[in-house]
Amino acid sequence: MAEPGPRRRVVAVIGGGEADGAAEALAEEIGRHVGGRGAVVLTGGRTGVMEAASRGARQAGAPAVIAVLPGYDPAGATPWADVVLPTGLGHARNAVVVASADVVVAVGGGAGTLSEIGLAAKLGRPVVLVAAAGGVAARAGALLPGLHTAEDAAQACALLDALLDGPLSPGDATRPAGP
């Protein structure tokens, strides 16, 4: 019997469902980079930053693009997701999104994104904040120490590469299991 291969890395891209074109362009570029390197992209599955990251990842051939929805209806997911998880958890699905990721990238966003950033930090997940997108991603680094700040998508992708190439999978000694 064959042994299982290594687990694929998972990158959560978080940000506002109502984002401007600049934030969406940044998210799409990041999603494309993540998908192109063979990692899974995970989002909250809706519009705005989530849809843009999913689109970029899917177009780049990501092995999976996962949408973790707040409601029970899978029809609410971005059409770019190929795995849709309707949770019925409402905003609590934010915990599922960040807990499932090896690295979290925040692009813009508001209160929901801030909750995800805080949860990711609490769980010991590396967080990359994309400052060029504005929103809470541009300001959260002043509130929580240990977050990584990137000025643009190119810097975010470079940080992602460095973080993803390290030992981040669950059970690795370098990543806390949670609270």
Protein backbone atom coordinates (compact mmCIF):
# COMPACT_ATOMS: atom_id res chain seq x y z
CA MET A 1 0.00 0.00 0.00
CA ALA A 2 1.30 3.46 -0.92
CA GLU A 3 2.07 5.99 1.76
CA PRO A 4 0.21 9.31 1.70
CA GLY A 5 2.07 12.27 0.28
CA PRO A 6 2.71 15.53 2.09
CA ARG A 7 -0.28 17.64 3.07
CA ARG A 8 -0.92 20.61 0.79
CA ARG A 9 -0.42 24.04 2.32
CA VAL A 10 -3.58 26.10 2.88
CA VAL A 11 -3.67 29.89 2.60
CA ALA A 12 -6.71 31.79 3.85
CA VAL A 13 -7.24 35.07 2.03
CA ILE A 14 -9.52 37.29 4.11
CA GLY A 15 -11.01 40.69 3.46
CA GLY A 16 -14.19 42.59 2.82
CA GLY A 17 -17.11 41.29 0.84
CA GLU A 18 -17.59 44.86 -0.34
CA ALA A 19 -14.15 45.83 -1.59
CA ASP A 20 -12.94 48.42 -4.07
CA GLY A 21 -11.28 47.53 -7.33
CA ALA A 22 -7.77 48.06 -5.95
CA ALA A 23 -8.29 45.62 -3.07
CA GLU A 24 -9.84 43.10 -5.43
CA ALA A 25 -6.88 43.39 -7.82
CA LEU A 26 -4.46 42.78 -4.93
CA ALA A 27 -6.46 39.78 -3.74
CA GLU A 28 -6.63 38.31 -7.24
CA GLU A 29 -2.86 38.65 -7.68
CA ILE A 30 -2.23 36.98 -4.32
CA GLY A 31 -4.72 34.19 -5.11
CA ARG A 32 -3.02 33.64 -8.46
CA HIS A 33 0.38 33.39 -6.77
CA VAL A 34 -0.85 30.95 -4.11
CA GLY A 35 -2.65 28.78 -6.66
CA GLY A 36 0.33 28.85 -8.98
CA ARG A 37 2.61 27.43 -6.31
CA GLY A 38 0.20 24.53 -5.72
CA ALA A 39 -1.31 25.62 -2.42
CA VAL A 40 -5.00 25.53 -1.55
CA VAL A 41 -6.84 28.85 -1.26
CA LEU A 42 -9.49 29.14 1.45
CA THR A 43 -11.85 32.11 1.83
CA GLY A 44 -15.13 33.07 3.41
CA GLY A 45 -16.55 32.26 0.01
CA ARG A 46 -18.54 35.34 -0.82
CA THR A 47 -17.91 38.46 -2.93
CA GLY A 48 -15.23 41.18 -2.97
CA VAL A 49 -11.78 40.13 -1.78
CA MET A 50 -12.93 36.55 -1.26
CA GLU A 51 -14.19 36.17 -4.81
CA ALA A 52 -11.15 37.93 -6.33
CA ALA A 53 -8.68 35.67 -4.49
CA SER A 54 -10.70 32.61 -5.50
CA ARG A 55 -10.76 33.71 -9.13
CA GLY A 56 -7.00 34.26 -9.23
CA ALA A 57 -6.31 30.91 -7.57
CA ARG A 58 -8.66 28.95 -9.82
CA GLN A 59 -7.29 30.56 -12.98
CA ALA A 60 -3.76 29.66 -11.82
CA GLY A 61 -4.69 26.01 -11.35
CA ALA A 62 -4.86 25.79 -7.56
CA PRO A 63 -5.48 22.21 -6.41
CA ALA A 64 -8.55 23.46 -4.53
CA VAL A 65 -10.38 26.71 -3.88
CA ILE A 66 -12.49 26.37 -0.74
CA ALA A 67 -15.41 28.60 0.29
CA VAL A 68 -16.42 28.45 3.98
CA LEU A 69 -19.88 30.03 4.01
CA PRO A 70 -21.65 31.60 6.97
CA GLY A 71 -25.03 30.19 5.96
CA TYR A 72 -26.53 26.88 4.93
CA ASP A 73 -27.11 27.66 1.25
CA PRO A 74 -24.24 26.64 -1.05
CA ALA A 75 -25.71 28.84 -3.79
CA GLY A 76 -24.31 31.86 -1.93
CA ALA A 77 -20.71 30.89 -2.77
CA THR A 78 -18.50 32.54 -5.33
CA PRO A 79 -18.61 30.58 -8.59
CA TRP A 80 -14.80 30.35 -8.46
CA ALA A 81 -14.82 27.95 -5.49
CA ASP A 82 -14.71 24.27 -6.31
CA VAL A 83 -15.27 23.13 -2.71
CA VAL A 84 -18.16 24.83 -0.88
CA LEU A 85 -18.68 24.32 2.85
CA PRO A 86 -21.98 25.82 4.05
CA THR A 87 -21.55 25.98 7.83
CA GLY A 88 -24.63 27.73 9.20
CA LEU A 89 -22.28 29.35 11.74
CA GLY A 90 -22.73 32.98 10.76
CA HIS A 91 -19.72 35.08 11.76
CA ALA A 92 -18.37 32.18 13.81
CA ARG A 93 -17.28 30.65 10.50
CA ASN A 94 -14.37 33.12 10.74
CA ALA A 95 -12.81 30.77 13.28
CA VAL A 96 -13.12 27.86 10.85
CA VAL A 97 -11.47 29.89 8.09
CA VAL A 98 -8.36 30.88 10.05
CA ALA A 99 -8.01 27.67 12.05
CA SER A 100 -7.92 25.71 8.79
CA ALA A 101 -5.10 27.78 7.31
CA ASP A 102 -1.34 27.51 7.49
CA VAL A 103 -0.99 31.22 6.67
CA VAL A 104 -3.61 34.00 6.64
CA VAL A 105 -3.42 36.98 4.28
CA ALA A 106 -5.58 40.03 5.05
CA VAL A 107 -6.51 42.37 2.20
CA GLY A 108 -8.49 45.45 3.30
CA GLY A 109 -11.57 44.55 5.30
CA GLY A 110 -13.57 45.76 8.25
CA ALA A 111 -14.82 44.28 11.52
CA GLY A 112 -15.18 40.72 10.20
CA THR A 113 -11.63 40.76 8.86
CA LEU A 114 -10.39 42.19 12.15
CA SER A 115 -11.99 39.29 14.02
CA GLU A 116 -10.24 36.83 11.71
CA ILE A 117 -6.88 38.56 12.18
CA GLY A 118 -7.30 38.42 15.96
CA LEU A 119 -8.33 34.76 15.93
CA ALA A 120 -5.44 33.84 13.65
CA ALA A 121 -2.99 35.60 15.96
CA LYS A 122 -4.49 33.85 18.99
CA LEU A 123 -4.13 30.48 17.23
CA GLY A 124 -0.52 31.19 16.29
CA ARG A 125 -1.16 31.32 12.56
CA PRO A 126 1.17 33.61 10.62
CA VAL A 127 -0.72 36.65 9.33
CA VAL A 128 0.34 38.80 6.38
CA LEU A 129 -1.31 42.22 6.25
CA VAL A 130 -1.44 43.89 2.83
CA ALA A 131 -1.20 47.59 3.70
CA ALA A 132 -1.88 48.87 0.16
CA ALA A 133 -5.44 47.58 0.42
CA GLY A 134 -6.30 49.94 3.28
CA GLY A 135 -8.99 48.86 5.73
CA VAL A 136 -8.07 46.99 8.88
CA ALA A 137 -5.23 45.22 7.06
CA ALA A 138 -3.39 48.54 6.96
CA ARG A 139 -3.85 49.17 10.70
CA ALA A 140 -3.95 45.84 12.55
CA GLY A 141 -0.18 45.61 12.80
CA ALA A 142 -0.21 48.55 15.21
CA LEU A 143 -2.57 46.63 17.50
CA LEU A 144 -1.12 43.14 17.48
CA PRO A 145 2.61 42.41 17.60
CA GLY A 146 4.04 39.62 15.47
CA LEU A 147 2.01 40.20 12.33
CA HIS A 148 3.80 40.56 8.98
CA THR A 149 3.09 43.69 6.95
CA ALA A 150 3.50 43.88 3.19
CA GLU A 151 3.22 47.14 1.31
CA ASP A 152 1.91 45.51 -1.86
CA ALA A 153 1.04 42.16 -3.48
CA ALA A 154 4.66 41.45 -4.49
CA GLN A 155 5.86 41.81 -0.89
CA ALA A 156 2.91 39.75 0.35
CA CYS A 157 3.77 36.95 -2.08
CA ALA A 158 7.44 37.01 -1.02
CA LEU A 159 6.40 36.76 2.64
CA LEU A 160 3.97 33.97 1.80
CA ASP A 161 6.70 32.02 0.03
CA ALA A 162 9.01 32.31 3.04
CA LEU A 163 6.25 31.30 5.46
CA LEU A 164 4.93 28.43 3.34
CA ASP A 165 8.38 26.97 2.82
CA GLY A 166 8.82 26.62 6.59
CA PRO A 167 7.38 23.97 8.95
CA LEU A 168 3.79 25.17 9.42
CA SER A 169 1.61 22.08 9.25
CA PRO A 170 -0.42 20.96 12.29
CA GLY A 171 1.77 18.99 14.66
CA ASP A 172 4.97 20.75 13.64
CA ALA A 173 6.91 21.86 16.69
CA THR A 174 7.08 25.42 15.39
CA ARG A 175 3.34 26.05 15.34
CA PRO A 176 1.23 26.14 18.50
CA ALA A 177 -1.83 23.91 18.42
CA GLY A 178 -4.09 26.68 19.67
CA PRO A 179 -5.33 28.15 22.93
